[in-house]
Amino acid sequence: MMPPKPQNEFVAFVIEQMSFVHGLRVRAMFSGHGVYQDDCMFAIIVDEQLFFKADANVRTEFEAKDLKPYTYVTRGKLVAMQYFEAPPEVFDEIDEMRIWVNKALTVARRARKNKGLPFK
């Protein structure tokens, strides 16, 4: 089953690049989109930028590439989320997209498991 066609061209491009992900879906949220495999959110798209879910186990890999976390301001404070910029090479090399999607999915699944949430 194909995800519904999004209105945003960048979102459509990301969906095309991630077409290898079984159960891929994208859902509008706040000022962007959540990217899911079934019920497991592993990436976000905000302002035409892709961010992958990260944790302490993979954060250093993002930082080594000088990739920054997604941040926003609330109540006058800067908040950094556990989502980091996607490396630019993921848009040019499908193997790189697979590698980074798999890392993000591993992080997202681990987070769900740690919270005791079931998988569909």
N, C-alpha and C. Protein backbone atom coordinates (compact mmCIF):
# COMPACT_ATOMS: atom_id res chain seq x y z
N MET A 1 0.84 -1.18 0.00
CA MET A 1 0.00 0.00 0.00
C MET A 1 0.88 1.24 0.00
N MET A 2 0.62 2.14 -0.92
CA MET A 2 1.40 3.36 -1.03
C MET A 2 0.83 4.43 -0.09
N PRO A 3 1.73 5.25 0.50
CA PRO A 3 1.24 6.34 1.32
C PRO A 3 0.47 7.35 0.46
N PRO A 4 -0.48 8.10 1.03
CA PRO A 4 -1.17 9.10 0.24
C PRO A 4 -0.20 10.16 -0.25
N LYS A 5 -0.50 10.73 -1.40
CA LYS A 5 0.38 11.74 -1.99
C LYS A 5 0.32 13.02 -1.16
N PRO A 6 1.47 13.47 -0.65
CA PRO A 6 1.49 14.68 0.17
C PRO A 6 1.43 15.93 -0.71
N GLN A 7 1.07 17.04 -0.11
CA GLN A 7 0.99 18.31 -0.82
C GLN A 7 2.38 18.92 -1.04
N ASN A 8 3.30 18.69 -0.14
CA ASN A 8 4.63 19.30 -0.18
C ASN A 8 5.57 18.49 -1.07
N GLU A 9 6.25 19.16 -2.00
CA GLU A 9 7.15 18.47 -2.92
C GLU A 9 8.32 17.80 -2.21
N PHE A 10 8.87 18.45 -1.18
CA PHE A 10 9.99 17.85 -0.46
C PHE A 10 9.53 16.59 0.27
N VAL A 11 8.36 16.64 0.86
CA VAL A 11 7.82 15.45 1.54
C VAL A 11 7.64 14.33 0.53
N ALA A 12 7.11 14.65 -0.64
CA ALA A 12 6.94 13.64 -1.70
C ALA A 12 8.29 13.06 -2.11
N PHE A 13 9.31 13.89 -2.19
CA PHE A 13 10.66 13.45 -2.55
C PHE A 13 11.20 12.48 -1.49
N VAL A 14 11.02 12.83 -0.21
CA VAL A 14 11.49 11.96 0.87
C VAL A 14 10.78 10.62 0.82
N ILE A 15 9.47 10.64 0.60
CA ILE A 15 8.70 9.39 0.50
C ILE A 15 9.25 8.53 -0.63
N GLU A 16 9.54 9.15 -1.75
CA GLU A 16 10.10 8.41 -2.89
C GLU A 16 11.46 7.81 -2.53
N GLN A 17 12.30 8.59 -1.86
CA GLN A 17 13.63 8.11 -1.47
C GLN A 17 13.55 6.98 -0.45
N MET A 18 12.48 6.94 0.33
CA MET A 18 12.32 5.91 1.36
C MET A 18 11.34 4.83 0.94
N SER A 19 11.09 4.69 -0.32
CA SER A 19 10.08 3.73 -0.80
C SER A 19 10.41 2.28 -0.42
N PHE A 20 11.64 2.01 -0.04
CA PHE A 20 12.04 0.66 0.38
C PHE A 20 11.53 0.30 1.77
N VAL A 21 11.04 1.28 2.53
CA VAL A 21 10.58 1.05 3.90
C VAL A 21 9.16 0.47 3.86
N HIS A 22 9.02 -0.76 4.33
CA HIS A 22 7.70 -1.40 4.40
C HIS A 22 6.85 -0.71 5.46
N GLY A 23 5.61 -0.39 5.13
CA GLY A 23 4.73 0.26 6.10
C GLY A 23 5.00 1.74 6.27
N LEU A 24 5.67 2.37 5.30
CA LEU A 24 6.00 3.79 5.39
C LEU A 24 4.73 4.64 5.34
N ARG A 25 4.68 5.61 6.23
CA ARG A 25 3.60 6.59 6.16
C ARG A 25 4.10 7.91 6.72
N VAL A 26 3.47 8.97 6.27
CA VAL A 26 3.83 10.32 6.70
C VAL A 26 2.56 10.99 7.19
N ARG A 27 2.67 11.66 8.33
CA ARG A 27 1.51 12.32 8.92
C ARG A 27 1.86 13.76 9.29
N ALA A 28 1.00 14.69 8.89
CA ALA A 28 1.20 16.09 9.24
C ALA A 28 1.13 16.25 10.75
N MET A 29 2.02 17.08 11.27
CA MET A 29 2.04 17.35 12.71
C MET A 29 2.67 18.71 12.96
N PHE A 30 2.08 19.48 13.82
CA PHE A 30 2.60 20.80 14.17
C PHE A 30 2.98 21.56 12.91
N SER A 31 4.24 21.94 12.78
CA SER A 31 4.67 22.70 11.60
C SER A 31 5.42 21.82 10.61
N GLY A 32 5.26 20.52 10.71
CA GLY A 32 5.97 19.62 9.81
C GLY A 32 5.24 18.31 9.62
N HIS A 33 6.02 17.26 9.43
CA HIS A 33 5.48 15.92 9.19
C HIS A 33 6.28 14.89 9.99
N GLY A 34 5.59 13.89 10.50
CA GLY A 34 6.24 12.75 11.12
C GLY A 34 6.36 11.64 10.09
N VAL A 35 7.50 10.95 10.08
CA VAL A 35 7.73 9.84 9.15
C VAL A 35 7.75 8.56 9.98
N TYR A 36 6.90 7.63 9.60
CA TYR A 36 6.67 6.42 10.39
C TYR A 36 6.90 5.15 9.57
N GLN A 37 7.31 4.10 10.27
CA GLN A 37 7.16 2.75 9.76
C GLN A 37 6.07 2.15 10.64
N ASP A 38 4.93 1.89 10.03
CA ASP A 38 3.75 1.47 10.77
C ASP A 38 3.46 2.50 11.87
N ASP A 39 3.59 2.14 13.14
CA ASP A 39 3.29 3.08 14.22
C ASP A 39 4.54 3.63 14.91
N CYS A 40 5.68 3.49 14.27
CA CYS A 40 6.95 3.86 14.88
C CYS A 40 7.56 5.07 14.15
N MET A 41 7.53 6.26 14.79
CA MET A 41 8.06 7.47 14.16
C MET A 41 9.58 7.47 14.27
N PHE A 42 10.24 7.56 13.10
CA PHE A 42 11.70 7.52 13.08
C PHE A 42 12.33 8.75 12.45
N ALA A 43 11.53 9.65 11.93
CA ALA A 43 12.07 10.87 11.33
C ALA A 43 10.99 11.94 11.34
N ILE A 44 11.45 13.19 11.20
CA ILE A 44 10.53 14.31 11.04
C ILE A 44 11.01 15.15 9.87
N ILE A 45 10.07 15.84 9.26
CA ILE A 45 10.38 16.78 8.19
C ILE A 45 9.82 18.13 8.63
N VAL A 46 10.70 19.12 8.72
CA VAL A 46 10.30 20.47 9.12
C VAL A 46 11.04 21.45 8.23
N ASP A 47 10.30 22.40 7.68
CA ASP A 47 10.90 23.44 6.83
C ASP A 47 11.79 22.84 5.75
N GLU A 48 11.28 21.82 5.09
CA GLU A 48 11.98 21.17 3.98
C GLU A 48 13.35 20.61 4.39
N GLN A 49 13.42 20.14 5.63
CA GLN A 49 14.61 19.47 6.14
C GLN A 49 14.20 18.16 6.77
N LEU A 50 15.00 17.12 6.53
CA LEU A 50 14.76 15.81 7.10
C LEU A 50 15.64 15.63 8.32
N PHE A 51 15.04 15.14 9.40
CA PHE A 51 15.76 14.86 10.64
C PHE A 51 15.48 13.42 11.05
N PHE A 52 16.54 12.69 11.41
CA PHE A 52 16.40 11.30 11.86
C PHE A 52 16.44 11.22 13.38
N LYS A 53 15.68 10.29 13.94
CA LYS A 53 15.67 10.06 15.39
C LYS A 53 17.04 9.56 15.83
N ALA A 54 17.50 10.08 16.96
CA ALA A 54 18.82 9.70 17.49
C ALA A 54 18.72 9.49 19.00
N ASP A 55 19.68 8.79 19.53
CA ASP A 55 19.82 8.64 20.97
C ASP A 55 21.32 8.65 21.28
N ALA A 56 21.66 8.39 22.52
CA ALA A 56 23.07 8.43 22.93
C ALA A 56 23.93 7.44 22.14
N ASN A 57 23.33 6.35 21.67
CA ASN A 57 24.10 5.34 20.93
C ASN A 57 24.55 5.81 19.55
N VAL A 58 23.79 6.70 18.91
CA VAL A 58 24.15 7.13 17.55
C VAL A 58 24.39 8.64 17.44
N ARG A 59 24.13 9.36 18.51
CA ARG A 59 24.29 10.82 18.49
C ARG A 59 25.69 11.23 18.01
N THR A 60 26.70 10.51 18.46
CA THR A 60 28.08 10.86 18.08
C THR A 60 28.31 10.73 16.58
N GLU A 61 27.58 9.83 15.93
CA GLU A 61 27.72 9.69 14.48
C GLU A 61 27.19 10.93 13.76
N PHE A 62 26.12 11.50 14.28
CA PHE A 62 25.59 12.75 13.71
C PHE A 62 26.56 13.90 14.00
N GLU A 63 27.01 13.97 15.23
CA GLU A 63 27.92 15.06 15.63
C GLU A 63 29.24 14.99 14.88
N ALA A 64 29.74 13.79 14.59
CA ALA A 64 30.99 13.65 13.84
C ALA A 64 30.87 14.22 12.43
N LYS A 65 29.66 14.26 11.91
CA LYS A 65 29.41 14.83 10.58
C LYS A 65 28.95 16.29 10.69
N ASP A 66 29.04 16.86 11.89
CA ASP A 66 28.63 18.24 12.17
C ASP A 66 27.15 18.48 11.86
N LEU A 67 26.32 17.46 12.09
CA LEU A 67 24.88 17.57 11.88
C LEU A 67 24.24 18.02 13.19
N LYS A 68 23.29 18.91 13.09
CA LYS A 68 22.69 19.55 14.26
C LYS A 68 21.32 18.95 14.59
N PRO A 69 20.95 19.02 15.87
CA PRO A 69 19.61 18.55 16.25
C PRO A 69 18.54 19.56 15.82
N TYR A 70 17.32 19.06 15.69
CA TYR A 70 16.19 19.94 15.44
C TYR A 70 15.91 20.71 16.72
N THR A 71 15.79 22.02 16.62
CA THR A 71 15.51 22.85 17.78
C THR A 71 14.31 23.75 17.50
N TYR A 72 13.67 24.15 18.57
CA TYR A 72 12.58 25.12 18.48
C TYR A 72 12.55 25.91 19.78
N VAL A 73 11.87 27.05 19.75
CA VAL A 73 11.78 27.90 20.93
C VAL A 73 10.37 27.81 21.50
N THR A 74 10.29 27.57 22.79
CA THR A 74 9.01 27.58 23.49
C THR A 74 9.18 28.30 24.82
N ARG A 75 8.26 29.20 25.10
CA ARG A 75 8.31 29.99 26.34
C ARG A 75 9.68 30.64 26.54
N GLY A 76 10.26 31.10 25.45
CA GLY A 76 11.54 31.79 25.51
C GLY A 76 12.76 30.91 25.68
N LYS A 77 12.57 29.59 25.65
CA LYS A 77 13.69 28.66 25.81
C LYS A 77 13.91 27.85 24.54
N LEU A 78 15.17 27.63 24.22
CA LEU A 78 15.53 26.80 23.08
C LEU A 78 15.49 25.33 23.51
N VAL A 79 14.73 24.53 22.77
CA VAL A 79 14.57 23.11 23.07
C VAL A 79 15.18 22.31 21.92
N ALA A 80 16.08 21.38 22.24
CA ALA A 80 16.68 20.49 21.24
C ALA A 80 16.01 19.14 21.34
N MET A 81 15.53 18.65 20.22
CA MET A 81 14.88 17.34 20.19
C MET A 81 15.90 16.26 19.84
N GLN A 82 15.51 15.02 20.01
CA GLN A 82 16.38 13.89 19.70
C GLN A 82 16.25 13.49 18.22
N TYR A 83 16.20 14.49 17.36
CA TYR A 83 16.18 14.29 15.91
C TYR A 83 17.29 15.15 15.33
N PHE A 84 18.14 14.54 14.50
CA PHE A 84 19.27 15.25 13.92
C PHE A 84 19.12 15.35 12.41
N GLU A 85 19.73 16.42 11.85
CA GLU A 85 19.73 16.62 10.40
C GLU A 85 20.19 15.35 9.70
N ALA A 86 19.55 15.06 8.58
CA ALA A 86 19.98 13.93 7.76
C ALA A 86 21.26 14.31 7.03
N PRO A 87 22.20 13.39 6.92
CA PRO A 87 23.40 13.68 6.14
C PRO A 87 23.02 13.94 4.68
N PRO A 88 23.63 14.92 4.04
CA PRO A 88 23.27 15.27 2.66
C PRO A 88 23.36 14.10 1.68
N GLU A 89 24.28 13.17 1.93
CA GLU A 89 24.47 12.07 0.99
C GLU A 89 23.28 11.12 0.90
N VAL A 90 22.36 11.17 1.89
CA VAL A 90 21.20 10.27 1.82
C VAL A 90 20.30 10.60 0.64
N PHE A 91 20.37 11.83 0.15
CA PHE A 91 19.52 12.22 -0.97
C PHE A 91 20.12 11.86 -2.33
N ASP A 92 21.40 11.51 -2.33
CA ASP A 92 22.09 11.16 -3.58
C ASP A 92 22.38 9.67 -3.70
N GLU A 93 22.47 8.98 -2.58
CA GLU A 93 22.87 7.57 -2.59
C GLU A 93 21.85 6.75 -1.79
N ILE A 94 21.12 5.90 -2.47
CA ILE A 94 20.07 5.10 -1.83
C ILE A 94 20.63 4.22 -0.72
N ASP A 95 21.87 3.72 -0.90
CA ASP A 95 22.48 2.90 0.16
C ASP A 95 22.68 3.71 1.44
N GLU A 96 23.05 4.98 1.29
CA GLU A 96 23.21 5.84 2.47
C GLU A 96 21.86 6.09 3.13
N MET A 97 20.82 6.29 2.32
CA MET A 97 19.48 6.48 2.89
C MET A 97 19.09 5.24 3.69
N ARG A 98 19.34 4.06 3.14
CA ARG A 98 19.01 2.82 3.85
C ARG A 98 19.75 2.73 5.19
N ILE A 99 21.04 3.04 5.17
CA ILE A 99 21.86 2.97 6.39
C ILE A 99 21.29 3.88 7.48
N TRP A 100 21.01 5.14 7.13
CA TRP A 100 20.56 6.10 8.13
C TRP A 100 19.12 5.85 8.55
N VAL A 101 18.27 5.40 7.63
CA VAL A 101 16.90 5.03 8.01
C VAL A 101 16.95 3.87 8.99
N ASN A 102 17.79 2.88 8.73
CA ASN A 102 17.90 1.73 9.63
C ASN A 102 18.40 2.15 11.02
N LYS A 103 19.35 3.08 11.06
CA LYS A 103 19.81 3.58 12.36
C LYS A 103 18.66 4.26 13.11
N ALA A 104 17.92 5.10 12.41
CA ALA A 104 16.82 5.83 13.03
C ALA A 104 15.71 4.88 13.48
N LEU A 105 15.42 3.88 12.67
CA LEU A 105 14.41 2.89 13.04
C LEU A 105 14.83 2.10 14.28
N THR A 106 16.10 1.75 14.35
CA THR A 106 16.62 1.04 15.52
C THR A 106 16.44 1.88 16.78
N VAL A 107 16.76 3.17 16.68
CA VAL A 107 16.59 4.08 17.82
C VAL A 107 15.12 4.19 18.20
N ALA A 108 14.26 4.38 17.20
CA ALA A 108 12.82 4.55 17.47
C ALA A 108 12.23 3.29 18.10
N ARG A 109 12.63 2.13 17.60
CA ARG A 109 12.12 0.87 18.18
C ARG A 109 12.61 0.69 19.61
N ARG A 110 13.88 1.02 19.85
CA ARG A 110 14.44 0.90 21.19
C ARG A 110 13.69 1.83 22.16
N ALA A 111 13.38 3.04 21.71
CA ALA A 111 12.65 4.00 22.55
C ALA A 111 11.25 3.48 22.87
N ARG A 112 10.58 2.90 21.86
CA ARG A 112 9.23 2.34 22.10
C ARG A 112 9.31 1.17 23.08
N LYS A 113 10.31 0.33 22.90
CA LYS A 113 10.46 -0.83 23.80
C LYS A 113 10.72 -0.36 25.23
N ASN A 114 11.59 0.64 25.38
CA ASN A 114 11.91 1.16 26.71
C ASN A 114 10.70 1.78 27.39
N LYS A 115 9.76 2.30 26.59
CA LYS A 115 8.53 2.88 27.14
C LYS A 115 7.44 1.82 27.33
N GLY A 116 7.73 0.60 26.91
CA GLY A 116 6.75 -0.48 27.05
C GLY A 116 5.62 -0.40 26.04
N LEU A 117 5.85 0.30 24.92
CA LEU A 117 4.81 0.43 23.89
C LEU A 117 4.88 -0.75 22.93
N PRO A 118 3.73 -1.25 22.51
CA PRO A 118 3.71 -2.39 21.58
C PRO A 118 4.03 -1.96 20.16
N PHE A 119 4.39 -2.92 19.33
CA PHE A 119 4.61 -2.70 17.91
C PHE A 119 3.46 -3.33 17.14
N LYS A 120 3.09 -2.68 16.06
CA LYS A 120 2.05 -3.26 15.19
C LYS A 120 2.71 -4.07 14.12
